Amino acid sequence: MTITFTDGSLTISTSEQTLWDITGNYHYGVWVFLHNMATGDQFTIKLYSKDQNAATMRIYDTIV
C-alpha cells in the first residue's frame, strides 16, 4: 500500500469549501488546524461518504 501526503492550505470564507474530491476507493485522513480564528468565529465541518450504489455523496457526520 502506498501512502501519499499532500500539504496545503485553504482560506475559508462564508461559503462551503471542499478540501479534496474523492477520486477512488481509498481511506482518507486529514488534520484541520483552526489556529487563525478570531473571537466570535465559528466553523462547521461536514464529512461526506460516497454512496457506492448511487455514486453520490451523502452526509456522514457534521462537527460544529
N, C-alpha and C. Protein backbone atom coordinates (compact mmCIF):
# COMPACT_ATOMS: atom_id res chain seq x y z
N MET A 1 0.83 -1.17 0.00
CA MET A 1 0.00 0.00 0.00
C MET A 1 0.88 1.24 0.00
N THR A 2 0.57 2.17 -0.85
CA THR A 2 1.30 3.42 -0.94
C THR A 2 0.57 4.50 -0.14
N ILE A 3 1.33 5.26 0.63
CA ILE A 3 0.76 6.39 1.37
C ILE A 3 1.25 7.67 0.72
N THR A 4 0.32 8.55 0.40
CA THR A 4 0.64 9.82 -0.24
C THR A 4 0.25 10.96 0.70
N PHE A 5 1.18 11.86 0.96
CA PHE A 5 0.93 13.02 1.81
C PHE A 5 0.83 14.25 0.93
N THR A 6 -0.14 15.09 1.21
CA THR A 6 -0.32 16.33 0.48
C THR A 6 -0.45 17.46 1.48
N ASP A 7 0.39 18.46 1.37
CA ASP A 7 0.31 19.63 2.23
C ASP A 7 -0.37 20.75 1.46
N GLY A 8 -1.14 21.53 2.15
CA GLY A 8 -1.79 22.65 1.50
C GLY A 8 -2.49 23.51 2.51
N SER A 9 -3.02 24.60 2.04
CA SER A 9 -3.78 25.48 2.92
C SER A 9 -4.98 26.02 2.15
N LEU A 10 -5.96 26.45 2.90
CA LEU A 10 -7.18 26.97 2.31
C LEU A 10 -7.67 28.11 3.18
N THR A 11 -7.97 29.24 2.57
CA THR A 11 -8.55 30.35 3.30
C THR A 11 -10.06 30.23 3.19
N ILE A 12 -10.70 30.15 4.33
CA ILE A 12 -12.14 29.90 4.38
C ILE A 12 -12.90 31.22 4.34
N SER A 13 -14.02 31.20 3.62
CA SER A 13 -14.91 32.35 3.58
C SER A 13 -16.25 31.92 4.19
N THR A 14 -17.31 32.62 3.89
CA THR A 14 -18.61 32.30 4.46
C THR A 14 -19.33 31.20 3.68
N SER A 15 -18.78 30.77 2.55
CA SER A 15 -19.42 29.70 1.77
C SER A 15 -18.73 28.37 2.04
N GLU A 16 -19.39 27.29 1.70
CA GLU A 16 -18.85 25.94 1.91
C GLU A 16 -17.66 25.70 0.99
N GLN A 17 -16.59 25.11 1.54
CA GLN A 17 -15.36 24.83 0.79
C GLN A 17 -15.12 23.32 0.74
N THR A 18 -14.56 22.83 -0.35
CA THR A 18 -14.20 21.43 -0.48
C THR A 18 -12.70 21.30 -0.27
N LEU A 19 -12.29 20.44 0.67
CA LEU A 19 -10.86 20.24 0.92
C LEU A 19 -10.23 19.36 -0.15
N TRP A 20 -10.94 18.33 -0.59
CA TRP A 20 -10.48 17.49 -1.70
C TRP A 20 -11.65 16.71 -2.24
N ASP A 21 -11.52 16.23 -3.47
CA ASP A 21 -12.54 15.40 -4.09
C ASP A 21 -12.14 13.94 -3.99
N ILE A 22 -13.11 13.09 -3.76
CA ILE A 22 -12.84 11.65 -3.70
C ILE A 22 -12.64 11.15 -5.12
N THR A 23 -11.51 10.51 -5.35
CA THR A 23 -11.18 10.05 -6.70
C THR A 23 -11.11 8.53 -6.81
N GLY A 24 -11.38 7.83 -5.73
CA GLY A 24 -11.33 6.37 -5.77
C GLY A 24 -11.70 5.78 -4.44
N ASN A 25 -11.66 4.48 -4.36
CA ASN A 25 -11.97 3.77 -3.12
C ASN A 25 -10.74 3.72 -2.23
N TYR A 26 -10.59 4.73 -1.40
CA TYR A 26 -9.43 4.86 -0.53
C TYR A 26 -9.89 5.24 0.87
N HIS A 27 -8.98 5.20 1.81
CA HIS A 27 -9.20 5.77 3.14
C HIS A 27 -8.51 7.12 3.16
N TYR A 28 -9.20 8.14 3.62
CA TYR A 28 -8.65 9.48 3.65
C TYR A 28 -8.46 9.93 5.10
N GLY A 29 -7.44 10.70 5.34
CA GLY A 29 -7.19 11.28 6.65
C GLY A 29 -6.87 12.75 6.49
N VAL A 30 -7.23 13.55 7.48
CA VAL A 30 -6.99 14.99 7.37
C VAL A 30 -6.83 15.58 8.78
N TRP A 31 -6.01 16.60 8.87
CA TRP A 31 -5.90 17.43 10.06
C TRP A 31 -6.42 18.81 9.67
N VAL A 32 -7.30 19.36 10.46
CA VAL A 32 -7.81 20.71 10.21
C VAL A 32 -7.34 21.59 11.35
N PHE A 33 -6.50 22.55 11.04
CA PHE A 33 -5.97 23.47 12.04
C PHE A 33 -6.78 24.77 11.98
N LEU A 34 -7.27 25.20 13.11
CA LEU A 34 -8.10 26.40 13.19
C LEU A 34 -7.41 27.48 14.01
N HIS A 35 -6.10 27.57 13.86
CA HIS A 35 -5.31 28.46 14.70
C HIS A 35 -5.45 29.94 14.38
N ASN A 36 -6.00 30.30 13.24
CA ASN A 36 -6.12 31.73 12.90
C ASN A 36 -7.52 32.27 13.15
N MET A 37 -8.29 31.59 13.98
CA MET A 37 -9.64 32.06 14.25
C MET A 37 -9.61 33.25 15.21
N ALA A 38 -10.55 34.15 15.02
CA ALA A 38 -10.69 35.31 15.90
C ALA A 38 -11.85 35.05 16.86
N THR A 39 -11.93 35.85 17.90
CA THR A 39 -13.02 35.73 18.85
C THR A 39 -14.35 35.89 18.12
N GLY A 40 -15.26 34.96 18.35
CA GLY A 40 -16.57 35.01 17.71
C GLY A 40 -16.66 34.21 16.42
N ASP A 41 -15.53 33.80 15.85
CA ASP A 41 -15.55 32.98 14.64
C ASP A 41 -16.15 31.61 14.96
N GLN A 42 -16.87 31.06 14.03
CA GLN A 42 -17.46 29.74 14.17
C GLN A 42 -17.16 28.93 12.92
N PHE A 43 -17.18 27.60 13.05
CA PHE A 43 -16.96 26.75 11.90
C PHE A 43 -17.83 25.51 12.01
N THR A 44 -18.10 24.90 10.89
CA THR A 44 -18.79 23.62 10.81
C THR A 44 -18.04 22.76 9.82
N ILE A 45 -17.70 21.55 10.23
CA ILE A 45 -17.04 20.60 9.33
C ILE A 45 -18.04 19.52 8.98
N LYS A 46 -18.26 19.30 7.69
CA LYS A 46 -19.17 18.26 7.22
C LYS A 46 -18.35 17.14 6.57
N LEU A 47 -18.60 15.93 7.02
CA LEU A 47 -17.93 14.76 6.45
C LEU A 47 -18.92 14.04 5.55
N TYR A 48 -18.46 13.72 4.35
CA TYR A 48 -19.32 13.04 3.39
C TYR A 48 -18.78 11.64 3.12
N SER A 49 -19.67 10.75 2.77
CA SER A 49 -19.31 9.39 2.37
C SER A 49 -19.90 9.16 0.98
N LYS A 50 -19.15 8.48 0.14
CA LYS A 50 -19.64 8.21 -1.21
C LYS A 50 -20.55 7.00 -1.19
N ASP A 51 -21.78 7.17 -1.65
CA ASP A 51 -22.74 6.09 -1.76
C ASP A 51 -22.38 5.27 -3.00
N GLN A 52 -21.91 4.06 -2.79
CA GLN A 52 -21.44 3.25 -3.91
C GLN A 52 -22.57 2.81 -4.83
N ASN A 53 -23.79 2.73 -4.33
CA ASN A 53 -24.90 2.33 -5.18
C ASN A 53 -25.34 3.44 -6.11
N ALA A 54 -25.40 4.64 -5.60
CA ALA A 54 -25.87 5.77 -6.41
C ALA A 54 -24.73 6.67 -6.89
N ALA A 55 -23.50 6.40 -6.42
CA ALA A 55 -22.32 7.21 -6.79
C ALA A 55 -22.50 8.68 -6.44
N THR A 56 -23.22 8.96 -5.37
CA THR A 56 -23.40 10.33 -4.91
C THR A 56 -22.82 10.48 -3.51
N MET A 57 -22.56 11.71 -3.12
CA MET A 57 -22.02 12.00 -1.81
C MET A 57 -23.16 12.21 -0.83
N ARG A 58 -23.06 11.58 0.34
CA ARG A 58 -24.07 11.69 1.38
C ARG A 58 -23.41 12.17 2.67
N ILE A 59 -24.11 12.99 3.45
CA ILE A 59 -23.58 13.47 4.73
C ILE A 59 -23.35 12.27 5.65
N TYR A 60 -22.13 12.18 6.19
CA TYR A 60 -21.78 11.13 7.15
C TYR A 60 -21.82 11.68 8.58
N ASP A 61 -21.29 12.89 8.76
CA ASP A 61 -21.26 13.50 10.09
C ASP A 61 -21.08 15.00 9.93
N THR A 62 -21.56 15.75 10.92
CA THR A 62 -21.38 17.20 10.96
C THR A 62 -20.79 17.55 12.31
N ILE A 63 -19.69 18.30 12.30
CA ILE A 63 -18.99 18.69 13.51
C ILE A 63 -19.10 20.21 13.64
N VAL A 64 -19.65 20.65 14.75
CA VAL A 64 -19.85 22.09 14.97
C VAL A 64 -18.99 22.53 16.11
